[in-house]
Every structure is written in structure tokens, then in C-alpha cells.
Amino acid sequence: MTRRVAYADPPYLGVAAKHYAAHHEQAADYDDPATHAALIRRLEADFDAWALSLSSPSLRTILPMCPPTVRVMAWVKPFASFKPGVNPAYAWEPVIVKCDAPRSRTEPTVRDWVASNITLEKGLAGAKPVEFSFWLFSVLALAPDDEFVDVFPGTGAVTAAHRAWLGLAQQAPLFELEAVGQ
């Protein structure tokens, strides 16, 4: 069964105008919690599964807007940008996920976190690395025939990773593991 699956990485609450105004004309709207609430309602209404990136300071505000079936995942950044006067550093980001796709016992277990360095590419703040995207696709139990929507494409990194993932998903495994002792 084909599902509609979305990933939303909107301008982060409280820093939207500061970091995103030059790239998105309505970025400042995301400094208002009501805009995030409307986004969550849209994700709930339009998609079978979804994920929403946000900043750790905004988690207290945004999580209560979500249905009780969501889970909070973590993108842990071993290499992150340290800001003067900010200690402890912000070296992780929450990812709220709504996905109730059944998984079999034979499928690999997906962790509720990923460790992946930030990208150092120029462009939009917060661009997601390919390792993050591939982990996200696993968390969402994304299948090659699912419709995937990158709600805030920004740099296009997640959309490009999805295209690459589709190419990888359609390839046969490079080798088969043999049972030990045979």
C-alpha cells in the first residue's frame, strides 16, 4: 500500500527571522507558535507518516501541539558549530516522528537517534547531511513506492538524498550473509 510521507524542516521557532528571512519571505511567521501548530495540523491531515525537525529549546512548546502517538527522536551532532557564550553547546536536534507502519521481527531495528556531523556547505542554515536523511527514511519505514514530500526543501539536500536512496533501494545487495557454521 502506497503511503504519503512527509518531512518538514521549517524555520525554527524563535530564530526564524534571524536565520531564514533572507531565504524565505514568510520565515518570520515561524517565530509564532501558531504557525507551527498549523503545520502540524496539515501534516496530520495530509500524510500517513511524517517527521518534523525543530530546535531543542522549542521542544517544550511544539511537542504538546502533536498527537500523543508521536515519538521524539534525536539527531546527535558529534561535530557541531560552537557559539561563543553558549555552554553547554547545542549539539543535538529533536525530530518528532509520527509513523505507525508495522515492522516485522526480521527487519533491522532502527535506533531512535542518529549521530551525524553538520554539513559545512554554504547555503541555508541547518542543511541536513545524507546520513541524517537515510536514517530518517528508515525511521519513517519509507518504501520505494511511497510518495515522499519534502515540505521545506531549502537546499534540496533531503530531496537529493531521497533520490539517491531510491537508487540504492532498487539495487540488489552486494553480498548475502551466510549463516555461521554452514
C-alpha atoms as a PDB file:
ATOM      1  CA  MET A   1       0.000   0.000   0.000  1.00  0.00           C
ATOM      2  CA  THR A   2       1.439   3.338  -1.037  1.00  0.00           C
ATOM      3  CA  ARG A   3       1.650   5.864   1.777  1.00  0.00           C
ATOM      4  CA  ARG A   4       2.058   9.639   1.734  1.00  0.00           C
ATOM      5  CA  VAL A   5       5.071  10.501   3.881  1.00  0.00           C
ATOM      6  CA  ALA A   6       6.380  13.979   4.681  1.00  0.00           C
ATOM      7  CA  TYR A   7       9.427  15.568   6.211  1.00  0.00           C
ATOM      8  CA  ALA A   8       9.132  19.137   7.479  1.00  0.00           C
ATOM      9  CA  ASP A   9      12.195  21.163   8.418  1.00  0.00           C
ATOM     10  CA  PRO A  10      10.643  24.612   8.878  1.00  0.00           C
ATOM     11  CA  PRO A  11      12.398  27.736  10.108  1.00  0.00           C
ATOM     12  CA  TYR A  12      12.935  27.076  13.810  1.00  0.00           C
ATOM     13  CA  LEU A  13      10.744  28.739  16.402  1.00  0.00           C
ATOM     14  CA  GLY A  14      12.425  31.751  17.987  1.00  0.00           C
ATOM     15  CA  VAL A  15      15.185  32.107  15.381  1.00  0.00           C
ATOM     16  CA  ALA A  16      13.208  32.037  12.142  1.00  0.00           C
ATOM     17  CA  ALA A  17      13.574  35.704  11.224  1.00  0.00           C
ATOM     18  CA  LYS A  18      17.236  35.765  12.258  1.00  0.00           C
ATOM     19  CA  HIS A  19      18.395  32.710  10.279  1.00  0.00           C
ATOM     20  CA  TYR A  20      15.946  32.264   7.424  1.00  0.00           C
ATOM     21  CA  ALA A  21      14.451  35.639   6.405  1.00  0.00           C
ATOM     22  CA  ALA A  22      16.921  36.075   3.536  1.00  0.00           C
ATOM     23  CA  HIS A  23      15.919  32.697   2.057  1.00  0.00           C
ATOM     24  CA  HIS A  24      12.195  32.535   2.775  1.00  0.00           C
ATOM     25  CA  GLU A  25       9.873  35.544   2.638  1.00  0.00           C
ATOM     26  CA  GLN A  26       7.498  34.119   5.258  1.00  0.00           C
ATOM     27  CA  ALA A  27      10.216  32.834   7.602  1.00  0.00           C
ATOM     28  CA  ALA A  28       9.376  35.301  10.374  1.00  0.00           C
ATOM     29  CA  ASP A  29       5.890  33.737  10.570  1.00  0.00           C
ATOM     30  CA  TYR A  30       7.571  30.678  12.083  1.00  0.00           C
ATOM     31  CA  ASP A  31       8.583  32.694  15.139  1.00  0.00           C
ATOM     32  CA  ASP A  32       4.883  32.405  16.044  1.00  0.00           C
ATOM     33  CA  PRO A  33       3.919  29.055  17.667  1.00  0.00           C
ATOM     34  CA  ALA A  34       0.532  29.227  15.888  1.00  0.00           C
ATOM     35  CA  THR A  35       2.308  28.740  12.552  1.00  0.00           C
ATOM     36  CA  HIS A  36       3.910  25.539  13.836  1.00  0.00           C
ATOM     37  CA  ALA A  37       0.533  24.362  15.151  1.00  0.00           C
ATOM     38  CA  ALA A  38      -0.978  24.914  11.682  1.00  0.00           C
ATOM     39  CA  LEU A  39       1.902  22.980  10.105  1.00  0.00           C
ATOM     40  CA  ILE A  40       1.326  20.027  12.445  1.00  0.00           C
ATOM     41  CA  ARG A  41      -2.404  20.043  11.642  1.00  0.00           C
ATOM     42  CA  ARG A  42      -1.517  19.980   7.934  1.00  0.00           C
ATOM     43  CA  LEU A  43       0.910  17.081   8.422  1.00  0.00           C
ATOM     44  CA  GLU A  44      -1.755  15.163  10.350  1.00  0.00           C
ATOM     45  CA  ALA A  45      -4.449  15.810   7.746  1.00  0.00           C
ATOM     46  CA  ASP A  46      -2.422  15.213   4.587  1.00  0.00           C
ATOM     47  CA  PHE A  47       0.084  12.451   5.399  1.00  0.00           C
ATOM     48  CA  ASP A  48       0.129   8.869   6.682  1.00  0.00           C
ATOM     49  CA  ALA A  49       3.515   9.364   8.342  1.00  0.00           C
ATOM     50  CA  TRP A  50       5.632  12.439   8.956  1.00  0.00           C
ATOM     51  CA  ALA A  51       8.683  13.843  10.687  1.00  0.00           C
ATOM     52  CA  LEU A  52       9.305  17.365  11.941  1.00  0.00           C
ATOM     53  CA  SER A  53      12.711  18.824  12.791  1.00  0.00           C
ATOM     54  CA  LEU A  54      12.933  21.505  15.455  1.00  0.00           C
ATOM     55  CA  SER A  55      15.372  23.050  17.892  1.00  0.00           C
ATOM     56  CA  SER A  56      15.816  21.678  21.399  1.00  0.00           C
ATOM     57  CA  PRO A  57      14.717  24.984  23.018  1.00  0.00           C
ATOM     58  CA  SER A  58      11.398  24.822  21.136  1.00  0.00           C
ATOM     59  CA  LEU A  59      10.614  21.204  22.042  1.00  0.00           C
ATOM     60  CA  ARG A  60       8.700  22.252  25.195  1.00  0.00           C
ATOM     61  CA  THR A  61       6.391  24.449  23.070  1.00  0.00           C
ATOM     62  CA  ILE A  62       5.931  22.278  19.983  1.00  0.00           C
ATOM     63  CA  LEU A  63       5.592  18.759  21.420  1.00  0.00           C
ATOM     64  CA  PRO A  64       2.218  19.453  23.149  1.00  0.00           C
ATOM     65  CA  MET A  65       0.829  20.507  19.745  1.00  0.00           C
ATOM     66  CA  CYS A  66       1.380  16.966  18.437  1.00  0.00           C
ATOM     67  CA  PRO A  67      -0.833  13.906  18.746  1.00  0.00           C
ATOM     68  CA  PRO A  68       0.049  11.563  21.629  1.00  0.00           C
ATOM     69  CA  THR A  69       1.258   8.864  19.214  1.00  0.00           C
ATOM     70  CA  VAL A  70       4.394  10.753  18.147  1.00  0.00           C
ATOM     71  CA  ARG A  71       7.902   9.885  19.261  1.00  0.00           C
ATOM     72  CA  VAL A  72      10.821  12.211  19.824  1.00  0.00           C
ATOM     73  CA  MET A  73      13.997  11.118  18.043  1.00  0.00           C
ATOM     74  CA  ALA A  74      17.421  12.762  18.143  1.00  0.00           C
ATOM     75  CA  TRP A  75      19.970  13.917  15.607  1.00  0.00           C
ATOM     76  CA  VAL A  76      23.187  13.984  17.614  1.00  0.00           C
ATOM     77  CA  LYS A  77      25.960  16.079  16.093  1.00  0.00           C
ATOM     78  CA  PRO A  78      29.464  14.863  17.064  1.00  0.00           C
ATOM     79  CA  PHE A  79      30.834  17.859  15.171  1.00  0.00           C
ATOM     80  CA  ALA A  80      28.672  20.931  15.665  1.00  0.00           C
ATOM     81  CA  SER A  81      29.081  24.673  15.492  1.00  0.00           C
ATOM     82  CA  PHE A  82      30.023  26.034  18.913  1.00  0.00           C
ATOM     83  CA  LYS A  83      28.803  29.552  19.663  1.00  0.00           C
ATOM     84  CA  PRO A  84      30.682  31.916  21.978  1.00  0.00           C
ATOM     85  CA  GLY A  85      28.981  32.149  25.359  1.00  0.00           C
ATOM     86  CA  VAL A  86      26.751  29.098  24.740  1.00  0.00           C
ATOM     87  CA  ASN A  87      27.762  26.334  27.117  1.00  0.00           C
ATOM     88  CA  PRO A  88      26.643  23.566  27.015  1.00  0.00           C
ATOM     89  CA  ALA A  89      26.607  23.637  23.233  1.00  0.00           C
ATOM     90  CA  TYR A  90      23.538  22.840  21.178  1.00  0.00           C
ATOM     91  CA  ALA A  91      24.827  19.585  19.693  1.00  0.00           C
ATOM     92  CA  TRP A  92      21.571  17.720  19.060  1.00  0.00           C
ATOM     93  CA  GLU A  93      18.211  18.386  17.441  1.00  0.00           C
ATOM     94  CA  PRO A  94      14.908  16.734  18.194  1.00  0.00           C
ATOM     95  CA  VAL A  95      12.927  15.152  15.386  1.00  0.00           C
ATOM     96  CA  ILE A  96       9.261  14.469  16.122  1.00  0.00           C
ATOM     97  CA  VAL A  97       8.029  11.423  14.209  1.00  0.00           C
ATOM     98  CA  LYS A  98       4.539  10.098  13.554  1.00  0.00           C
ATOM     99  CA  CYS A  99       4.740   6.655  11.973  1.00  0.00           C
ATOM    100  CA  ASP A 100       2.644   3.631  12.762  1.00  0.00           C
ATOM    101  CA  ALA A 101       3.858   1.386   9.954  1.00  0.00           C
ATOM    102  CA  PRO A 102       4.076  -2.188  11.193  1.00  0.00           C
ATOM    103  CA  ARG A 103       7.520  -3.733  11.239  1.00  0.00           C
ATOM    104  CA  SER A 104       8.337  -7.413  11.224  1.00  0.00           C
ATOM    105  CA  ARG A 105      10.732  -9.072  13.659  1.00  0.00           C
ATOM    106  CA  THR A 106      13.043  -9.833  10.735  1.00  0.00           C
ATOM    107  CA  GLU A 107      13.558  -6.166   9.869  1.00  0.00           C
ATOM    108  CA  PRO A 108      16.594  -4.445  11.341  1.00  0.00           C
ATOM    109  CA  THR A 109      15.787  -2.385  14.414  1.00  0.00           C
ATOM    110  CA  VAL A 110      16.130   1.339  13.768  1.00  0.00           C
ATOM    111  CA  ARG A 111      17.606   3.459  16.540  1.00  0.00           C
ATOM    112  CA  ASP A 112      15.718   6.492  17.797  1.00  0.00           C
ATOM    113  CA  TRP A 113      18.815   8.609  17.224  1.00  0.00           C
ATOM    114  CA  VAL A 114      21.451   9.180  14.598  1.00  0.00           C
ATOM    115  CA  ALA A 115      24.953  10.566  15.039  1.00  0.00           C
ATOM    116  CA  SER A 116      25.935  12.614  12.017  1.00  0.00           C
ATOM    117  CA  ASN A 117      28.047  15.735  11.656  1.00  0.00           C
ATOM    118  CA  ILE A 118      26.577  19.003  10.458  1.00  0.00           C
ATOM    119  CA  THR A 119      27.280  19.947   6.868  1.00  0.00           C
ATOM    120  CA  LEU A 120      29.795  22.675   6.225  1.00  0.00           C
ATOM    121  CA  GLU A 121      28.362  23.538   2.839  1.00  0.00           C
ATOM    122  CA  LYS A 122      27.358  27.120   2.219  1.00  0.00           C
ATOM    123  CA  GLY A 123      23.704  27.862   1.869  1.00  0.00           C
ATOM    124  CA  LEU A 124      20.765  27.615   4.174  1.00  0.00           C
ATOM    125  CA  ALA A 125      21.392  27.165   7.896  1.00  0.00           C
ATOM    126  CA  GLY A 126      20.567  23.676   9.120  1.00  0.00           C
ATOM    127  CA  ALA A 127      21.070  21.747   5.871  1.00  0.00           C
ATOM    128  CA  LYS A 128      20.742  18.055   6.652  1.00  0.00           C
ATOM    129  CA  PRO A 129      23.524  15.574   5.830  1.00  0.00           C
ATOM    130  CA  VAL A 130      22.799  12.467   3.753  1.00  0.00           C
ATOM    131  CA  GLU A 131      23.346  10.161   6.770  1.00  0.00           C
ATOM    132  CA  PHE A 132      20.563  12.001   8.599  1.00  0.00           C
ATOM    133  CA  SER A 133      18.257  11.630   5.599  1.00  0.00           C
ATOM    134  CA  PHE A 134      18.884   7.891   5.174  1.00  0.00           C
ATOM    135  CA  TRP A 135      18.233   7.382   8.919  1.00  0.00           C
ATOM    136  CA  LEU A 136      15.035   9.435   8.614  1.00  0.00           C
ATOM    137  CA  PHE A 137      13.803   7.257   5.745  1.00  0.00           C
ATOM    138  CA  SER A 138      14.383   4.182   7.931  1.00  0.00           C
ATOM    139  CA  VAL A 139      12.600   5.738  10.915  1.00  0.00           C
ATOM    140  CA  LEU A 140       9.610   6.549   8.691  1.00  0.00           C
ATOM    141  CA  ALA A 141       9.639   2.975   7.282  1.00  0.00           C
ATOM    142  CA  LEU A 142       9.725   4.572   3.850  1.00  0.00           C
ATOM    143  CA  ALA A 143       9.181   2.168   0.968  1.00  0.00           C
ATOM    144  CA  PRO A 144      10.332   2.852  -2.592  1.00  0.00           C
ATOM    145  CA  ASP A 145       6.739   3.175  -3.818  1.00  0.00           C
ATOM    146  CA  ASP A 146       5.700   5.626  -1.073  1.00  0.00           C
ATOM    147  CA  GLU A 147       5.115   9.249  -2.016  1.00  0.00           C
ATOM    148  CA  PHE A 148       7.708  11.347  -0.185  1.00  0.00           C
ATOM    149  CA  VAL A 149       7.202  15.102   0.238  1.00  0.00           C
ATOM    150  CA  ASP A 150       9.971  17.392   1.472  1.00  0.00           C
ATOM    151  CA  VAL A 151       7.732  20.182   2.792  1.00  0.00           C
ATOM    152  CA  PHE A 152      10.561  22.726   3.178  1.00  0.00           C
ATOM    153  CA  PRO A 153      13.119  21.742   0.523  1.00  0.00           C
ATOM    154  CA  GLY A 154      15.580  24.525   1.438  1.00  0.00           C
ATOM    155  CA  THR A 155      18.914  23.456  -0.042  1.00  0.00           C
ATOM    156  CA  GLY A 156      17.350  20.381  -1.649  1.00  0.00           C
ATOM    157  CA  ALA A 157      19.646  18.083   0.349  1.00  0.00           C
ATOM    158  CA  VAL A 158      16.882  15.802   1.699  1.00  0.00           C
ATOM    159  CA  THR A 159      15.185  15.574  -1.701  1.00  0.00           C
ATOM    160  CA  ALA A 160      18.532  14.697  -3.319  1.00  0.00           C
ATOM    161  CA  ALA A 161      19.182  12.115  -0.606  1.00  0.00           C
ATOM    162  CA  HIS A 162      15.752  10.609  -1.280  1.00  0.00           C
ATOM    163  CA  ARG A 163      16.595  10.264  -4.973  1.00  0.00           C
ATOM    164  CA  ALA A 164      19.897   8.603  -4.047  1.00  0.00           C
ATOM    165  CA  TRP A 165      18.145   6.350  -1.515  1.00  0.00           C
ATOM    166  CA  LEU A 166      15.638   5.251  -4.178  1.00  0.00           C
ATOM    167  CA  GLY A 167      18.544   4.286  -6.416  1.00  0.00           C
ATOM    168  CA  LEU A 168      20.147   2.347  -3.584  1.00  0.00           C
ATOM    169  CA  ALA A 169      16.857   0.749  -2.541  1.00  0.00           C
ATOM    170  CA  GLN A 170      16.365  -0.686  -6.027  1.00  0.00           C
ATOM    171  CA  GLN A 171      19.789  -2.360  -6.176  1.00  0.00           C
ATOM    172  CA  ALA A 172      20.370  -5.945  -5.165  1.00  0.00           C
ATOM    173  CA  PRO A 173      22.575  -6.413  -2.097  1.00  0.00           C
ATOM    174  CA  LEU A 174      26.286  -6.520  -2.876  1.00  0.00           C
ATOM    175  CA  PHE A 175      26.635  -9.772  -0.945  1.00  0.00           C
ATOM    176  CA  GLU A 176      24.489 -12.142   1.081  1.00  0.00           C
ATOM    177  CA  LEU A 177      25.500 -13.004   4.622  1.00  0.00           C
ATOM    178  CA  GLU A 178      25.994 -16.712   5.131  1.00  0.00           C
ATOM    179  CA  ALA A 179      24.765 -18.390   8.255  1.00  0.00           C
ATOM    180  CA  VAL A 180      27.560 -19.016  10.749  1.00  0.00           C
ATOM    181  CA  GLY A 181      28.627 -22.652  10.897  1.00  0.00           C
ATOM    182  CA  GLN A 182      27.494 -23.700   7.434  1.00  0.00           C
END
